[in-house]
Amino acid sequence: MTEQQARRTRMPAMERRESILAAATEVFAEVGYLRGKTSVVARKVGVSEPVVFQNFGTKASLFAAVVDRAADHVCRMVERLTATNLPVSGLLKTMLDPGHLQHVHSAGAVGAIFADASTITGEPEIEAASRSAVQRFAAAITALLDRGHADGELRADLDTEAAAWWLLSLVSSQRFRQATAGDPKGVEARLADSTLTYLTGR
């Protein structure tokens, strides 16, 4: 029995599924859905490619599961921050930092998965997973803003749900600004400052 065969035999079904998702997350975050290959995912896990399809059916289903898994990770992170006593204004400043936004959306980072998913059409499972992820982000960010509002850190007249969608729109359009603005770094810095000033009312 080879090492890979032994690994397949020993690995419980749920653990194998999670290992496939973890490997697929790495592959899709690095090269995107269209260029990502299930054969590469299988090699990373140490299983045959048919095992990947036995667990997820299609490449689109696998990518949709990756989007769901990545959304779980991001939402849990935001929820943990919401449960802390850290100032929401400080958290927002970090989240809006242009360098931070660029990093989380660069190749290999989890944000690259959501950016990629939002551009894919004609794959209902991926479209549904992308839509669900964004709606979950909006709910998580709204809860964070609600805490900042209750603590008096944010402007009194702030519509926190609308502000959450505004922040998501701002993040999702960064690539557009990077590609079209004459001075993208300057624009990003001023936009972050203006957004924070509006949210805090200071």
Protein backbone atom coordinates (compact mmCIF):
# COMPACT_ATOMS: atom_id res chain seq x y z
CA MET A 1 0.00 0.00 0.00
CA THR A 2 1.38 3.40 -0.99
CA GLU A 3 1.49 6.37 1.36
CA GLN A 4 -1.32 8.12 -0.56
CA GLN A 5 -3.49 4.98 -0.45
CA ALA A 6 -2.91 4.67 3.30
CA ARG A 7 -3.83 8.32 3.75
CA ARG A 8 -7.08 7.85 1.81
CA THR A 9 -7.94 4.78 3.89
CA ARG A 10 -7.25 6.44 7.23
CA MET A 11 -8.92 9.79 6.55
CA PRO A 12 -12.57 10.01 7.75
CA ALA A 13 -15.08 11.36 5.22
CA MET A 14 -15.58 14.73 6.94
CA GLU A 15 -11.86 15.22 7.36
CA ARG A 16 -11.27 14.36 3.70
CA ARG A 17 -13.95 16.83 2.62
CA GLU A 18 -12.41 19.56 4.78
CA SER A 19 -8.93 18.84 3.44
CA ILE A 20 -10.22 19.11 -0.12
CA LEU A 21 -11.89 22.44 0.71
CA ALA A 22 -8.69 23.76 2.31
CA ALA A 23 -6.62 22.77 -0.73
CA ALA A 24 -9.20 24.17 -3.14
CA THR A 25 -9.24 27.45 -1.22
CA GLU A 26 -5.49 27.77 -1.73
CA VAL A 27 -5.72 26.96 -5.44
CA PHE A 28 -8.68 29.21 -6.25
CA ALA A 29 -7.37 32.11 -4.15
CA GLU A 30 -4.07 31.94 -6.00
CA VAL A 31 -5.17 31.49 -9.64
CA GLY A 32 -8.95 31.98 -9.69
CA TYR A 33 -11.84 29.71 -10.60
CA LEU A 34 -11.26 29.51 -14.35
CA ARG A 35 -7.57 28.67 -14.10
CA GLY A 36 -7.85 26.53 -10.98
CA LYS A 37 -7.69 22.80 -11.69
CA THR A 38 -9.30 20.06 -9.64
CA SER A 39 -6.32 17.84 -10.50
CA VAL A 40 -4.07 20.29 -8.62
CA VAL A 41 -6.46 20.25 -5.66
CA ALA A 42 -6.36 16.45 -5.64
CA ARG A 43 -2.55 16.42 -5.71
CA LYS A 44 -2.39 18.82 -2.76
CA VAL A 45 -4.63 16.52 -0.71
CA GLY A 46 -2.95 13.31 -1.87
CA VAL A 47 -6.05 11.77 -3.46
CA SER A 48 -7.09 11.00 -7.02
CA GLU A 49 -9.12 13.59 -8.95
CA PRO A 50 -12.24 11.35 -8.96
CA VAL A 51 -12.25 11.56 -5.15
CA VAL A 52 -12.68 15.35 -5.43
CA PHE A 53 -15.69 14.87 -7.71
CA GLN A 54 -17.11 12.11 -5.48
CA ASN A 55 -17.17 14.64 -2.64
CA PHE A 56 -18.37 17.73 -4.52
CA GLY A 57 -19.85 16.61 -7.84
CA THR A 58 -18.56 19.39 -10.07
CA LYS A 59 -15.88 22.04 -10.11
CA ALA A 60 -18.59 24.71 -9.75
CA SER A 61 -19.99 22.96 -6.66
CA LEU A 62 -16.50 22.77 -5.19
CA PHE A 63 -15.91 26.48 -5.77
CA ALA A 64 -19.32 27.35 -4.29
CA ALA A 65 -18.38 25.33 -1.19
CA VAL A 66 -15.08 27.20 -1.02
CA VAL A 67 -16.95 30.52 -1.13
CA ASP A 68 -19.27 29.34 1.68
CA ARG A 69 -16.31 28.16 3.78
CA ALA A 70 -14.41 31.42 3.25
CA ALA A 71 -17.53 33.42 4.15
CA ASP A 72 -17.84 31.41 7.38
CA HIS A 73 -14.25 32.35 8.24
CA VAL A 74 -14.71 36.07 7.55
CA CYS A 75 -18.06 36.31 9.36
CA ARG A 76 -16.70 34.54 12.44
CA MET A 77 -13.78 36.98 12.47
CA VAL A 78 -16.12 40.00 12.30
CA GLU A 79 -18.38 38.48 14.96
CA ARG A 80 -15.40 37.96 17.27
CA LEU A 81 -14.39 41.59 16.81
CA THR A 82 -17.95 42.72 17.49
CA ALA A 83 -17.91 40.78 20.77
CA THR A 84 -14.74 42.54 21.99
CA ASN A 85 -14.37 45.91 23.67
CA LEU A 86 -12.11 47.23 20.93
CA PRO A 87 -13.25 50.65 19.66
CA VAL A 88 -15.31 50.22 16.48
CA SER A 89 -13.84 53.42 15.02
CA GLY A 90 -10.37 51.89 15.32
CA LEU A 91 -11.52 48.65 13.73
CA LEU A 92 -13.07 50.59 10.85
CA LYS A 93 -9.87 52.56 10.36
CA THR A 94 -7.93 49.30 10.04
CA MET A 95 -10.52 47.75 7.72
CA LEU A 96 -10.54 50.82 5.44
CA ASP A 97 -6.75 51.17 5.31
CA PRO A 98 -5.82 51.03 1.59
CA GLY A 99 -2.88 48.73 2.23
CA HIS A 100 -5.11 46.33 4.17
CA LEU A 101 -7.73 46.27 1.43
CA GLN A 102 -5.12 45.64 -1.23
CA HIS A 103 -3.60 42.83 0.80
CA VAL A 104 -6.84 40.97 1.50
CA HIS A 105 -7.77 41.08 -2.20
CA SER A 106 -4.35 40.10 -3.56
CA ALA A 107 -3.70 36.70 -5.13
CA GLY A 108 -3.58 34.02 -2.47
CA ALA A 109 -5.72 35.95 0.03
CA VAL A 110 -9.28 35.03 0.95
CA GLY A 111 -10.69 38.26 -0.51
CA ALA A 112 -9.53 37.17 -3.96
CA ILE A 113 -12.06 34.34 -3.81
CA PHE A 114 -15.01 36.70 -3.29
CA ALA A 115 -13.77 39.13 -5.94
CA ASP A 116 -13.49 36.24 -8.39
CA ALA A 117 -16.88 34.76 -7.45
CA SER A 118 -18.61 38.09 -8.10
CA THR A 119 -17.47 38.04 -11.74
CA ILE A 120 -18.64 34.53 -12.60
CA THR A 121 -21.93 34.24 -14.48
CA GLY A 122 -23.81 31.25 -15.83
CA GLU A 123 -23.01 29.07 -12.79
CA PRO A 124 -26.11 29.20 -10.52
CA GLU A 125 -24.39 27.52 -7.55
CA ILE A 126 -21.53 30.02 -7.58
CA GLU A 127 -23.85 32.98 -8.08
CA ALA A 128 -26.00 31.83 -5.13
CA ALA A 129 -22.94 31.28 -2.92
CA SER A 130 -21.55 34.70 -3.82
CA ARG A 131 -24.86 36.43 -3.13
CA SER A 132 -25.25 34.61 0.19
CA ALA A 133 -21.70 35.51 1.23
CA VAL A 134 -22.23 39.21 0.58
CA GLN A 135 -25.55 39.21 2.45
CA ARG A 136 -23.86 37.52 5.41
CA PHE A 137 -21.05 40.09 5.34
CA ALA A 138 -23.60 42.88 5.34
CA ALA A 139 -25.34 41.40 8.40
CA ALA A 140 -22.05 40.92 10.26
CA ILE A 141 -20.84 44.44 9.49
CA THR A 142 -24.23 45.88 10.44
CA ALA A 143 -23.89 44.22 13.86
CA LEU A 144 -20.42 45.72 14.26
CA LEU A 145 -21.71 49.17 13.32
CA ASP A 146 -24.66 48.71 15.69
CA ARG A 147 -22.21 48.28 18.56
CA GLY A 148 -20.27 51.36 17.53
CA HIS A 149 -23.54 53.28 17.26
CA ALA A 150 -24.70 52.11 20.70
CA ASP A 151 -21.32 53.07 22.19
CA GLY A 152 -21.60 56.57 20.75
CA GLU A 153 -18.60 56.16 18.45
CA LEU A 154 -20.58 56.61 15.25
CA ARG A 155 -22.81 59.44 14.16
CA ALA A 156 -26.22 59.46 15.81
CA ASP A 157 -28.18 59.54 12.54
CA LEU A 158 -26.28 56.65 10.93
CA ASP A 159 -28.34 53.98 9.18
CA THR A 160 -26.08 51.05 10.08
CA GLU A 161 -27.51 48.60 7.54
CA ALA A 162 -27.18 51.07 4.68
CA ALA A 163 -23.68 51.96 5.90
CA ALA A 164 -22.70 48.28 5.87
CA TRP A 165 -23.76 47.94 2.24
CA TRP A 166 -21.95 51.16 1.42
CA LEU A 167 -18.75 49.78 2.95
CA LEU A 168 -19.10 46.54 0.99
CA SER A 169 -19.64 48.50 -2.22
CA LEU A 170 -16.59 50.59 -1.44
CA VAL A 171 -14.46 47.49 -0.94
CA SER A 172 -15.73 45.70 -4.03
CA SER A 173 -14.99 48.68 -6.28
CA GLN A 174 -11.36 49.05 -5.24
CA ARG A 175 -10.11 47.18 -8.30
CA PHE A 176 -12.00 49.64 -10.50
CA ARG A 177 -10.30 52.58 -8.79
CA GLN A 178 -6.91 50.92 -8.97
CA ALA A 179 -7.33 50.41 -12.71
CA THR A 180 -8.74 53.83 -13.59
CA ALA A 181 -7.68 56.53 -11.10
CA GLY A 182 -4.71 58.71 -12.05
CA ASP A 183 -3.39 58.55 -8.49
CA PRO A 184 -5.00 55.40 -7.02
CA LYS A 185 -3.00 55.46 -3.78
CA GLY A 186 -3.94 59.07 -3.10
CA VAL A 187 -7.58 58.47 -4.00
CA GLU A 188 -7.75 55.41 -1.74
CA ALA A 189 -6.23 57.28 1.20
CA ARG A 190 -8.60 60.25 0.84
CA LEU A 191 -11.59 57.96 0.34
CA ALA A 192 -10.75 56.02 3.52
CA ASP A 193 -10.42 59.26 5.51
CA SER A 194 -13.67 60.67 4.11
CA THR A 195 -15.56 57.45 4.84
CA LEU A 196 -14.33 57.28 8.42
CA THR A 197 -15.12 60.97 8.95
CA TYR A 198 -18.67 60.43 7.70
CA LEU A 199 -19.27 57.30 9.80
CA THR A 200 -17.98 58.85 13.02
CA GLY A 201 -19.32 62.35 12.38
CA ARG A 202 -15.96 63.74 13.46
